[in-house]
Amino acid sequence: MEDEIEKTVAEYRNQMKEAEGSYAFRLLMLDFKEKALNDEIAVWFLFKSIIKECIESPDYFETNPSAIVSTFYILNDIDNEKSFALLKWFIQNCNENTPNGAIELLSTLITSFSNLDFKEFHTYSKSQNQAISGIGYLTIYNLFMEGRLSKEEAEKVLEISKNYNNNRYHISDTHETLKFRFRELYSDENYDNSEIDLNLL
């Protein structure tokens, strides 16, 4: 069984290589997405192998951008526990060699997952690992800007933003933007302004 799966994964890899740079590549990835939705084991092993390669070789983003970006988008579109687990596996293994583009793309895509946990990404934002911190912070920042946080969660993001600085991924000076958005979201007729802690602002 394992040999069959490995053989199929290798075949899928060859198909991707042959179709690279053409419209056929897009059609192939759409076919893989359908296979994943039908829970084909081999295609999930394919996605896992691509993610693993990215973890082990950060330059994979430069040498095989279509493969990893397409995989990220497919996992995002599928939006189930398995696809979320693969993306989290990647996030938890990011390091300071992980490219800026990967950090920005993931923090944008992952906000659409239905089982996203604010607390988890809030914790990531405090990591000493700048890559994980960058994904965590940008994810909760995006959730904030999209108006998808509770007032209490938004206050936590606003508090972090006061001093947040990530030199490796050039993330800084977001506090004023968040402060303005906070007032838009929570200083209207739907909220009691007296309850807003002005020290946060």
N, C-alpha and C. Protein backbone atom coordinates (compact mmCIF):
# COMPACT_ATOMS: atom_id res chain seq x y z
N MET A 1 0.83 -1.21 0.00
CA MET A 1 0.00 0.00 0.00
C MET A 1 0.86 1.26 0.00
N GLU A 2 1.88 1.27 0.89
CA GLU A 2 2.76 2.44 0.96
C GLU A 2 3.53 2.63 -0.33
N ASP A 3 3.98 1.53 -0.92
CA ASP A 3 4.71 1.60 -2.19
C ASP A 3 3.83 2.19 -3.29
N GLU A 4 2.56 1.80 -3.29
CA GLU A 4 1.63 2.33 -4.28
C GLU A 4 1.45 3.83 -4.12
N ILE A 5 1.31 4.27 -2.87
CA ILE A 5 1.13 5.70 -2.60
C ILE A 5 2.36 6.48 -3.04
N GLU A 6 3.55 5.97 -2.68
CA GLU A 6 4.79 6.64 -3.06
C GLU A 6 4.94 6.72 -4.57
N LYS A 7 4.54 5.66 -5.24
CA LYS A 7 4.61 5.63 -6.70
C LYS A 7 3.67 6.68 -7.30
N THR A 8 2.47 6.79 -6.74
CA THR A 8 1.50 7.76 -7.24
C THR A 8 1.97 9.19 -6.98
N VAL A 9 2.53 9.42 -5.79
CA VAL A 9 3.06 10.75 -5.46
C VAL A 9 4.17 11.13 -6.43
N ALA A 10 5.06 10.21 -6.73
CA ALA A 10 6.15 10.46 -7.68
C ALA A 10 5.59 10.79 -9.06
N GLU A 11 4.54 10.07 -9.44
CA GLU A 11 3.89 10.32 -10.73
C GLU A 11 3.27 11.71 -10.75
N TYR A 12 2.60 12.10 -9.66
CA TYR A 12 2.02 13.44 -9.57
C TYR A 12 3.10 14.51 -9.65
N ARG A 13 4.22 14.25 -9.00
CA ARG A 13 5.35 15.20 -9.03
C ARG A 13 5.85 15.39 -10.47
N ASN A 14 5.96 14.30 -11.19
CA ASN A 14 6.41 14.37 -12.59
C ASN A 14 5.42 15.14 -13.44
N GLN A 15 4.13 14.92 -13.19
CA GLN A 15 3.10 15.65 -13.93
C GLN A 15 3.21 17.16 -13.67
N MET A 16 3.47 17.52 -12.42
CA MET A 16 3.63 18.93 -12.07
C MET A 16 4.84 19.54 -12.78
N LYS A 17 5.92 18.78 -12.79
CA LYS A 17 7.15 19.26 -13.42
C LYS A 17 6.95 19.48 -14.92
N GLU A 18 6.27 18.55 -15.56
CA GLU A 18 6.03 18.63 -17.00
C GLU A 18 5.08 19.78 -17.36
N ALA A 19 4.13 20.05 -16.48
CA ALA A 19 3.12 21.08 -16.77
C ALA A 19 3.54 22.47 -16.29
N GLU A 20 4.63 22.57 -15.56
CA GLU A 20 5.09 23.84 -14.99
C GLU A 20 5.09 24.97 -16.02
N GLY A 21 4.49 26.10 -15.64
CA GLY A 21 4.51 27.28 -16.50
C GLY A 21 3.45 27.30 -17.58
N SER A 22 2.58 26.31 -17.62
CA SER A 22 1.53 26.27 -18.65
C SER A 22 0.15 26.26 -18.01
N TYR A 23 -0.86 26.45 -18.85
CA TYR A 23 -2.24 26.40 -18.36
C TYR A 23 -2.57 25.00 -17.85
N ALA A 24 -1.89 24.01 -18.40
CA ALA A 24 -2.11 22.63 -17.97
C ALA A 24 -1.77 22.45 -16.49
N PHE A 25 -0.83 23.27 -15.99
CA PHE A 25 -0.47 23.17 -14.58
C PHE A 25 -1.66 23.57 -13.70
N ARG A 26 -2.33 24.62 -14.10
CA ARG A 26 -3.52 25.07 -13.34
C ARG A 26 -4.59 23.98 -13.33
N LEU A 27 -4.82 23.38 -14.49
CA LEU A 27 -5.82 22.31 -14.59
C LEU A 27 -5.42 21.11 -13.73
N LEU A 28 -4.13 20.82 -13.72
CA LEU A 28 -3.63 19.70 -12.93
C LEU A 28 -3.86 19.95 -11.44
N MET A 29 -3.57 21.16 -10.98
CA MET A 29 -3.75 21.48 -9.57
C MET A 29 -5.23 21.45 -9.19
N LEU A 30 -6.10 21.87 -10.10
CA LEU A 30 -7.54 21.79 -9.85
C LEU A 30 -7.98 20.33 -9.72
N ASP A 31 -7.36 19.47 -10.53
CA ASP A 31 -7.65 18.04 -10.45
C ASP A 31 -7.18 17.48 -9.10
N PHE A 32 -6.01 17.92 -8.64
CA PHE A 32 -5.52 17.49 -7.33
C PHE A 32 -6.46 17.96 -6.22
N LYS A 33 -6.97 19.15 -6.39
CA LYS A 33 -7.91 19.68 -5.38
C LYS A 33 -9.15 18.79 -5.30
N GLU A 34 -9.68 18.40 -6.45
CA GLU A 34 -10.85 17.52 -6.47
C GLU A 34 -10.53 16.17 -5.82
N LYS A 35 -9.36 15.66 -6.11
CA LYS A 35 -8.94 14.39 -5.51
C LYS A 35 -8.85 14.52 -3.98
N ALA A 36 -8.33 15.66 -3.53
CA ALA A 36 -8.22 15.89 -2.09
C ALA A 36 -9.59 15.99 -1.44
N LEU A 37 -10.51 16.65 -2.13
CA LEU A 37 -11.88 16.77 -1.61
C LEU A 37 -12.55 15.41 -1.52
N ASN A 38 -12.13 14.50 -2.40
CA ASN A 38 -12.64 13.12 -2.36
C ASN A 38 -11.79 12.24 -1.44
N ASP A 39 -10.85 12.89 -0.74
CA ASP A 39 -10.01 12.23 0.27
C ASP A 39 -9.11 11.14 -0.30
N GLU A 40 -8.58 11.40 -1.48
CA GLU A 40 -7.59 10.47 -2.04
C GLU A 40 -6.31 10.56 -1.21
N ILE A 41 -5.83 9.46 -0.71
CA ILE A 41 -4.67 9.44 0.19
C ILE A 41 -3.41 9.97 -0.50
N ALA A 42 -3.18 9.54 -1.74
CA ALA A 42 -1.94 9.91 -2.43
C ALA A 42 -1.79 11.41 -2.61
N VAL A 43 -2.88 12.09 -2.93
CA VAL A 43 -2.77 13.53 -3.16
C VAL A 43 -2.51 14.28 -1.85
N TRP A 44 -3.02 13.76 -0.74
CA TRP A 44 -2.70 14.36 0.56
C TRP A 44 -1.23 14.14 0.91
N PHE A 45 -0.70 12.99 0.54
CA PHE A 45 0.74 12.75 0.73
C PHE A 45 1.56 13.67 -0.17
N LEU A 46 1.03 13.97 -1.35
CA LEU A 46 1.70 14.92 -2.25
C LEU A 46 1.81 16.28 -1.58
N PHE A 47 0.69 16.78 -1.06
CA PHE A 47 0.70 18.08 -0.39
C PHE A 47 1.65 18.08 0.80
N LYS A 48 1.62 16.97 1.55
CA LYS A 48 2.50 16.86 2.72
C LYS A 48 3.97 16.89 2.29
N SER A 49 4.28 16.23 1.19
CA SER A 49 5.67 16.19 0.72
C SER A 49 6.14 17.57 0.26
N ILE A 50 5.24 18.34 -0.34
CA ILE A 50 5.59 19.69 -0.78
C ILE A 50 5.84 20.60 0.42
N ILE A 51 4.95 20.50 1.41
CA ILE A 51 5.12 21.29 2.64
C ILE A 51 6.43 20.89 3.33
N LYS A 52 6.69 19.60 3.41
CA LYS A 52 7.91 19.13 4.07
C LYS A 52 9.15 19.68 3.38
N GLU A 53 9.12 19.69 2.05
CA GLU A 53 10.27 20.20 1.30
C GLU A 53 10.49 21.69 1.58
N CYS A 54 9.40 22.42 1.73
CA CYS A 54 9.50 23.85 2.05
C CYS A 54 10.09 24.07 3.43
N ILE A 55 9.71 23.22 4.36
CA ILE A 55 10.24 23.32 5.72
C ILE A 55 11.74 23.06 5.72
N GLU A 56 12.14 22.04 4.98
CA GLU A 56 13.55 21.64 4.98
C GLU A 56 14.42 22.53 4.10
N SER A 57 13.82 23.12 3.06
CA SER A 57 14.59 23.96 2.12
C SER A 57 13.81 25.24 1.81
N PRO A 58 14.04 26.30 2.60
CA PRO A 58 13.32 27.56 2.38
C PRO A 58 13.47 28.12 0.97
N ASP A 59 14.57 27.76 0.26
CA ASP A 59 14.75 28.27 -1.10
C ASP A 59 13.80 27.59 -2.09
N TYR A 60 13.01 26.62 -1.59
CA TYR A 60 11.99 25.97 -2.43
C TYR A 60 11.01 27.00 -2.97
N PHE A 61 10.79 28.07 -2.20
CA PHE A 61 9.87 29.12 -2.64
C PHE A 61 10.39 29.83 -3.88
N GLU A 62 11.70 29.85 -4.05
CA GLU A 62 12.29 30.49 -5.22
C GLU A 62 12.40 29.51 -6.38
N THR A 63 12.69 28.26 -6.07
CA THR A 63 12.90 27.28 -7.13
C THR A 63 11.61 26.64 -7.64
N ASN A 64 10.59 26.56 -6.76
CA ASN A 64 9.30 25.95 -7.15
C ASN A 64 8.12 26.77 -6.63
N PRO A 65 8.07 28.06 -6.98
CA PRO A 65 7.01 28.91 -6.43
C PRO A 65 5.60 28.45 -6.78
N SER A 66 5.41 27.97 -8.01
CA SER A 66 4.06 27.55 -8.43
C SER A 66 3.54 26.40 -7.59
N ALA A 67 4.41 25.46 -7.27
CA ALA A 67 4.00 24.27 -6.51
C ALA A 67 3.54 24.65 -5.12
N ILE A 68 4.35 25.44 -4.41
CA ILE A 68 4.00 25.75 -3.03
C ILE A 68 2.84 26.73 -2.94
N VAL A 69 2.83 27.76 -3.79
CA VAL A 69 1.73 28.73 -3.74
C VAL A 69 0.41 28.05 -4.09
N SER A 70 0.42 27.22 -5.12
CA SER A 70 -0.81 26.49 -5.49
C SER A 70 -1.27 25.58 -4.37
N THR A 71 -0.32 24.93 -3.71
CA THR A 71 -0.66 24.04 -2.59
C THR A 71 -1.29 24.83 -1.45
N PHE A 72 -0.71 25.98 -1.13
CA PHE A 72 -1.28 26.83 -0.08
C PHE A 72 -2.72 27.22 -0.42
N TYR A 73 -2.95 27.63 -1.66
CA TYR A 73 -4.30 28.05 -2.06
C TYR A 73 -5.28 26.88 -2.03
N ILE A 74 -4.85 25.72 -2.47
CA ILE A 74 -5.73 24.55 -2.44
C ILE A 74 -6.10 24.19 -1.01
N LEU A 75 -5.12 24.14 -0.13
CA LEU A 75 -5.39 23.81 1.27
C LEU A 75 -6.34 24.84 1.88
N ASN A 76 -6.15 26.08 1.51
CA ASN A 76 -7.03 27.14 2.00
C ASN A 76 -8.46 26.95 1.50
N ASP A 77 -8.60 26.61 0.22
CA ASP A 77 -9.94 26.42 -0.36
C ASP A 77 -10.65 25.22 0.26
N ILE A 78 -9.91 24.17 0.56
CA ILE A 78 -10.52 22.96 1.13
C ILE A 78 -11.08 23.23 2.52
N ASP A 79 -10.34 23.98 3.32
CA ASP A 79 -10.80 24.45 4.64
C ASP A 79 -11.38 23.32 5.50
N ASN A 80 -10.56 22.32 5.77
CA ASN A 80 -10.97 21.29 6.73
C ASN A 80 -9.83 21.06 7.73
N GLU A 81 -10.03 20.15 8.64
CA GLU A 81 -9.03 19.93 9.69
C GLU A 81 -7.70 19.46 9.10
N LYS A 82 -7.77 18.65 8.07
CA LYS A 82 -6.55 18.11 7.48
C LYS A 82 -5.73 19.21 6.79
N SER A 83 -6.40 20.06 6.02
CA SER A 83 -5.68 21.13 5.33
C SER A 83 -5.15 22.16 6.32
N PHE A 84 -5.93 22.44 7.35
CA PHE A 84 -5.49 23.39 8.38
C PHE A 84 -4.28 22.84 9.13
N ALA A 85 -4.29 21.54 9.40
CA ALA A 85 -3.18 20.90 10.11
C ALA A 85 -1.88 20.99 9.31
N LEU A 86 -1.98 20.83 7.99
CA LEU A 86 -0.78 20.92 7.15
C LEU A 86 -0.21 22.34 7.16
N LEU A 87 -1.07 23.34 7.08
CA LEU A 87 -0.59 24.72 7.11
C LEU A 87 0.00 25.06 8.47
N LYS A 88 -0.63 24.58 9.54
CA LYS A 88 -0.10 24.82 10.88
C LYS A 88 1.25 24.12 11.07
N TRP A 89 1.39 22.95 10.49
CA TRP A 89 2.67 22.24 10.55
C TRP A 89 3.76 23.10 9.92
N PHE A 90 3.44 23.71 8.79
CA PHE A 90 4.42 24.59 8.15
C PHE A 90 4.73 25.79 9.04
N ILE A 91 3.69 26.44 9.55
CA ILE A 91 3.87 27.63 10.39
C ILE A 91 4.75 27.32 11.59
N GLN A 92 4.47 26.22 12.25
CA GLN A 92 5.21 25.87 13.47
C GLN A 92 6.66 25.50 13.20
N ASN A 93 7.00 25.29 11.93
CA ASN A 93 8.38 24.97 11.56
C ASN A 93 9.06 26.09 10.79
N CYS A 94 8.43 27.25 10.74
CA CYS A 94 9.06 28.40 10.08
C CYS A 94 10.26 28.86 10.89
N ASN A 95 11.23 29.43 10.19
CA ASN A 95 12.37 30.04 10.86
C ASN A 95 12.75 31.30 10.10
N GLU A 96 13.81 31.94 10.50
CA GLU A 96 14.14 33.24 9.92
C GLU A 96 14.68 33.15 8.50
N ASN A 97 14.77 31.94 7.96
CA ASN A 97 15.09 31.78 6.54
C ASN A 97 13.83 31.72 5.68
N THR A 98 12.68 31.63 6.34
CA THR A 98 11.41 31.60 5.60
C THR A 98 11.20 32.94 4.90
N PRO A 99 10.95 32.95 3.59
CA PRO A 99 10.83 34.21 2.84
C PRO A 99 9.66 35.09 3.31
N ASN A 100 9.84 36.39 3.13
CA ASN A 100 8.78 37.35 3.48
C ASN A 100 7.47 37.03 2.78
N GLY A 101 7.57 36.66 1.50
CA GLY A 101 6.36 36.39 0.73
C GLY A 101 5.53 35.27 1.30
N ALA A 102 6.20 34.25 1.83
CA ALA A 102 5.47 33.12 2.44
C ALA A 102 4.74 33.57 3.70
N ILE A 103 5.39 34.41 4.49
CA ILE A 103 4.78 34.92 5.72
C ILE A 103 3.54 35.74 5.39
N GLU A 104 3.67 36.64 4.42
CA GLU A 104 2.56 37.51 4.05
C GLU A 104 1.40 36.72 3.44
N LEU A 105 1.73 35.77 2.56
CA LEU A 105 0.68 34.98 1.90
C LEU A 105 -0.09 34.15 2.92
N LEU A 106 0.62 33.45 3.78
CA LEU A 106 -0.04 32.58 4.76
C LEU A 106 -0.92 33.37 5.72
N SER A 107 -0.43 34.51 6.18
CA SER A 107 -1.19 35.29 7.15
C SER A 107 -2.46 35.88 6.53
N THR A 108 -2.46 36.00 5.21
CA THR A 108 -3.66 36.46 4.50
C THR A 108 -4.63 35.31 4.27
N LEU A 109 -4.11 34.18 3.79
CA LEU A 109 -4.96 33.04 3.47
C LEU A 109 -5.61 32.42 4.70
N ILE A 110 -4.83 32.27 5.75
CA ILE A 110 -5.28 31.46 6.88
C ILE A 110 -6.44 32.10 7.64
N THR A 111 -6.66 33.39 7.44
CA THR A 111 -7.77 34.05 8.15
C THR A 111 -9.13 33.54 7.69
N SER A 112 -9.18 32.89 6.53
CA SER A 112 -10.47 32.42 6.03
C SER A 112 -10.86 31.05 6.58
N PHE A 113 -9.96 30.41 7.32
CA PHE A 113 -10.29 29.09 7.87
C PHE A 113 -11.37 29.20 8.95
N SER A 114 -12.35 28.31 8.85
CA SER A 114 -13.49 28.38 9.77
C SER A 114 -13.12 28.00 11.19
N ASN A 115 -12.07 27.19 11.36
CA ASN A 115 -11.70 26.77 12.72
C ASN A 115 -10.47 27.51 13.25
N LEU A 116 -10.21 28.69 12.72
CA LEU A 116 -9.08 29.50 13.18
C LEU A 116 -9.30 29.92 14.63
N ASP A 117 -8.26 29.76 15.43
CA ASP A 117 -8.34 30.10 16.86
C ASP A 117 -7.53 31.36 17.13
N PHE A 118 -8.21 32.44 17.50
CA PHE A 118 -7.52 33.71 17.78
C PHE A 118 -6.44 33.52 18.82
N LYS A 119 -6.74 32.79 19.89
CA LYS A 119 -5.78 32.63 20.99
C LYS A 119 -4.47 32.02 20.51
N GLU A 120 -4.58 31.06 19.62
CA GLU A 120 -3.39 30.38 19.12
C GLU A 120 -2.48 31.35 18.37
N PHE A 121 -3.07 32.17 17.49
CA PHE A 121 -2.26 33.09 16.70
C PHE A 121 -1.82 34.30 17.52
N HIS A 122 -2.59 34.64 18.52
CA HIS A 122 -2.17 35.66 19.48
C HIS A 122 -0.91 35.19 20.20
N THR A 123 -0.88 33.91 20.55
CA THR A 123 0.31 33.33 21.19
C THR A 123 1.49 33.31 20.23
N TYR A 124 1.24 32.94 18.97
CA TYR A 124 2.31 32.95 17.98
C TYR A 124 2.95 34.34 17.87
N SER A 125 2.13 35.37 17.95
CA SER A 125 2.64 36.74 17.77
C SER A 125 3.67 37.12 18.82
N LYS A 126 3.66 36.41 19.94
CA LYS A 126 4.60 36.70 21.03
C LYS A 126 5.85 35.83 20.98
N SER A 127 5.95 34.99 19.96
CA SER A 127 7.08 34.06 19.86
C SER A 127 8.40 34.81 19.66
N GLN A 128 9.47 34.22 20.18
CA GLN A 128 10.81 34.77 19.96
C GLN A 128 11.29 34.47 18.54
N ASN A 129 10.67 33.49 17.91
CA ASN A 129 10.97 33.16 16.51
C ASN A 129 10.27 34.21 15.65
N GLN A 130 11.05 35.03 14.94
CA GLN A 130 10.46 36.16 14.22
C GLN A 130 9.54 35.74 13.09
N ALA A 131 9.80 34.57 12.49
CA ALA A 131 8.92 34.09 11.43
C ALA A 131 7.55 33.72 11.98
N ILE A 132 7.54 32.93 13.06
CA ILE A 132 6.27 32.54 13.68
C ILE A 132 5.56 33.77 14.25
N SER A 133 6.33 34.65 14.87
CA SER A 133 5.75 35.88 15.40
C SER A 133 5.13 36.72 14.29
N GLY A 134 5.83 36.80 13.15
CA GLY A 134 5.32 37.58 12.03
C GLY A 134 4.00 37.04 11.49
N ILE A 135 3.92 35.72 11.33
CA ILE A 135 2.67 35.11 10.86
C ILE A 135 1.56 35.34 11.89
N GLY A 136 1.89 35.12 13.16
CA GLY A 136 0.88 35.31 14.21
C GLY A 136 0.36 36.73 14.25
N TYR A 137 1.28 37.68 14.22
CA TYR A 137 0.86 39.08 14.32
C TYR A 137 0.08 39.52 13.08
N LEU A 138 0.58 39.21 11.91
CA LEU A 138 -0.12 39.62 10.69
C LEU A 138 -1.49 38.96 10.57
N THR A 139 -1.61 37.73 11.07
CA THR A 139 -2.91 37.05 11.03
C THR A 139 -3.92 37.76 11.92
N ILE A 140 -3.54 38.07 13.15
CA ILE A 140 -4.50 38.75 14.04
C ILE A 140 -4.71 40.20 13.59
N TYR A 141 -3.70 40.79 12.98
CA TYR A 141 -3.85 42.13 12.40
C TYR A 141 -4.91 42.10 11.30
N ASN A 142 -4.81 41.11 10.40
CA ASN A 142 -5.77 41.00 9.31
C ASN A 142 -7.18 40.73 9.83
N LEU A 143 -7.30 39.87 10.84
CA LEU A 143 -8.61 39.61 11.44
C LEU A 143 -9.19 40.88 12.03
N PHE A 144 -8.34 41.66 12.66
CA PHE A 144 -8.76 42.94 13.25
C PHE A 144 -9.29 43.87 12.16
N MET A 145 -8.50 44.04 11.10
CA MET A 145 -8.87 44.97 10.03
C MET A 145 -10.14 44.52 9.30
N GLU A 146 -10.38 43.21 9.27
CA GLU A 146 -11.59 42.68 8.64
C GLU A 146 -12.81 42.77 9.56
N GLY A 147 -12.60 43.23 10.79
CA GLY A 147 -13.71 43.36 11.74
C GLY A 147 -14.24 42.03 12.22
N ARG A 148 -13.36 41.03 12.33
CA ARG A 148 -13.81 39.69 12.69
C ARG A 148 -13.46 39.29 14.12
N LEU A 149 -13.02 40.25 14.91
CA LEU A 149 -12.67 39.96 16.30
C LEU A 149 -13.71 40.54 17.25
N SER A 150 -13.82 39.92 18.40
CA SER A 150 -14.64 40.52 19.45
C SER A 150 -13.93 41.77 19.94
N LYS A 151 -14.65 42.61 20.66
CA LYS A 151 -14.03 43.82 21.19
C LYS A 151 -12.86 43.47 22.11
N GLU A 152 -13.03 42.45 22.92
CA GLU A 152 -11.97 42.04 23.85
C GLU A 152 -10.73 41.57 23.09
N GLU A 153 -10.92 40.80 22.02
CA GLU A 153 -9.80 40.35 21.21
C GLU A 153 -9.12 41.52 20.52
N ALA A 154 -9.93 42.44 20.00
CA ALA A 154 -9.38 43.62 19.32
C ALA A 154 -8.53 44.45 20.28
N GLU A 155 -8.96 44.55 21.52
CA GLU A 155 -8.19 45.30 22.52
C GLU A 155 -6.83 44.65 22.76
N LYS A 156 -6.79 43.32 22.72
CA LYS A 156 -5.52 42.61 22.92
C LYS A 156 -4.56 42.89 21.76
N VAL A 157 -5.09 42.91 20.55
CA VAL A 157 -4.25 43.22 19.39
C VAL A 157 -3.75 44.66 19.46
N LEU A 158 -4.64 45.56 19.84
CA LEU A 158 -4.27 46.97 19.95
C LEU A 158 -3.16 47.16 20.98
N GLU A 159 -3.25 46.41 22.06
CA GLU A 159 -2.23 46.51 23.12
C GLU A 159 -0.87 46.03 22.60
N ILE A 160 -0.87 44.89 21.90
CA ILE A 160 0.39 44.37 21.35
C ILE A 160 0.99 45.34 20.34
N SER A 161 0.12 45.95 19.55
CA SER A 161 0.60 46.81 18.46
C SER A 161 1.36 48.04 18.94
N LYS A 162 1.16 48.40 20.19
CA LYS A 162 1.84 49.59 20.72
C LYS A 162 3.36 49.47 20.57
N ASN A 163 3.87 48.28 20.84
CA ASN A 163 5.33 48.10 20.83
C ASN A 163 5.81 47.01 19.88
N TYR A 164 4.90 46.51 19.04
CA TYR A 164 5.31 45.39 18.18
C TYR A 164 6.28 45.86 17.11
N ASN A 165 7.37 45.12 16.97
CA ASN A 165 8.36 45.43 15.95
C ASN A 165 9.03 44.13 15.52
N ASN A 166 9.03 43.87 14.25
CA ASN A 166 9.64 42.65 13.72
C ASN A 166 10.59 43.06 12.61
N ASN A 167 11.85 43.23 12.96
CA ASN A 167 12.84 43.72 12.01
C ASN A 167 13.05 42.77 10.84
N ARG A 168 13.03 41.47 11.11
CA ARG A 168 13.29 40.49 10.05
C ARG A 168 12.24 40.59 8.95
N TYR A 169 10.99 40.80 9.33
CA TYR A 169 9.91 40.83 8.34
C TYR A 169 9.32 42.23 8.15
N HIS A 170 10.05 43.23 8.62
CA HIS A 170 9.69 44.64 8.37
C HIS A 170 8.26 44.97 8.78
N ILE A 171 7.88 44.48 9.95
CA ILE A 171 6.53 44.77 10.47
C ILE A 171 6.67 45.72 11.65
N SER A 172 6.18 46.93 11.49
CA SER A 172 6.24 47.91 12.57
C SER A 172 5.25 49.03 12.28
N ASP A 173 5.10 49.91 13.25
CA ASP A 173 4.26 51.11 13.08
C ASP A 173 2.85 50.79 12.59
N THR A 174 2.24 49.77 13.18
CA THR A 174 0.87 49.42 12.81
C THR A 174 -0.16 49.98 13.80
N HIS A 175 0.32 50.54 14.89
CA HIS A 175 -0.59 50.94 15.97
C HIS A 175 -1.59 52.00 15.53
N GLU A 176 -1.13 53.02 14.81
CA GLU A 176 -2.02 54.10 14.41
C GLU A 176 -3.13 53.60 13.49
N THR A 177 -2.78 52.70 12.58
CA THR A 177 -3.78 52.13 11.67
C THR A 177 -4.83 51.34 12.45
N LEU A 178 -4.37 50.53 13.41
CA LEU A 178 -5.29 49.73 14.22
C LEU A 178 -6.14 50.62 15.12
N LYS A 179 -5.54 51.66 15.65
CA LYS A 179 -6.27 52.57 16.52
C LYS A 179 -7.42 53.23 15.77
N PHE A 180 -7.15 53.66 14.54
CA PHE A 180 -8.19 54.27 13.71
C PHE A 180 -9.30 53.26 13.41
N ARG A 181 -8.90 52.03 13.08
CA ARG A 181 -9.88 50.98 12.77
C ARG A 181 -10.69 50.62 14.01
N PHE A 182 -10.05 50.61 15.17
CA PHE A 182 -10.75 50.31 16.42
C PHE A 182 -11.88 51.32 16.64
N ARG A 183 -11.59 52.58 16.42
CA ARG A 183 -12.61 53.62 16.61
C ARG A 183 -13.75 53.45 15.61
N GLU A 184 -13.41 53.05 14.38
CA GLU A 184 -14.45 52.81 13.38
C GLU A 184 -15.38 51.68 13.81
N LEU A 185 -14.78 50.62 14.35
CA LEU A 185 -15.55 49.43 14.68
C LEU A 185 -16.32 49.53 15.99
N TYR A 186 -15.74 50.20 16.98
CA TYR A 186 -16.29 50.11 18.33
C TYR A 186 -16.74 51.43 18.94
N SER A 187 -16.55 52.53 18.23
CA SER A 187 -16.98 53.82 18.78
C SER A 187 -18.22 54.33 18.04
N ASP A 188 -19.19 53.45 17.86
CA ASP A 188 -20.41 53.88 17.17
C ASP A 188 -21.63 53.58 18.04
N GLU A 189 -22.78 53.71 17.44
CA GLU A 189 -24.02 53.60 18.21
C GLU A 189 -24.27 52.20 18.76
N ASN A 190 -23.54 51.21 18.24
CA ASN A 190 -23.75 49.85 18.71
C ASN A 190 -22.99 49.54 20.00
N TYR A 191 -22.13 50.47 20.41
CA TYR A 191 -21.33 50.24 21.60
C TYR A 191 -21.41 51.42 22.54
N ASP A 192 -21.26 51.14 23.79
CA ASP A 192 -21.21 52.17 24.81
C ASP A 192 -19.79 52.72 24.86
N ASN A 193 -19.60 53.97 24.39
CA ASN A 193 -18.26 54.54 24.33
C ASN A 193 -17.59 54.61 25.69
N SER A 194 -18.37 54.68 26.73
CA SER A 194 -17.80 54.79 28.07
C SER A 194 -17.05 53.52 28.47
N GLU A 195 -17.34 52.41 27.76
CA GLU A 195 -16.70 51.15 28.10
C GLU A 195 -15.34 50.99 27.44
N ILE A 196 -15.00 51.88 26.52
CA ILE A 196 -13.73 51.76 25.83
C ILE A 196 -12.61 52.29 26.70
N ASP A 197 -11.59 51.48 26.91
CA ASP A 197 -10.44 51.88 27.71
C ASP A 197 -9.55 52.78 26.87
N LEU A 198 -9.61 54.08 27.13
CA LEU A 198 -8.86 55.03 26.33
C LEU A 198 -7.36 54.88 26.51
N ASN A 199 -6.92 54.19 27.55
CA ASN A 199 -5.49 53.97 27.73
C ASN A 199 -4.92 53.07 26.63
N LEU A 200 -5.81 52.27 26.04
CA LEU A 200 -5.37 51.41 24.94
C LEU A 200 -5.05 52.23 23.71
N LEU A 201 -5.70 53.37 23.58
CA LEU A 201 -5.55 54.18 22.38
C LEU A 201 -4.40 55.17 22.50
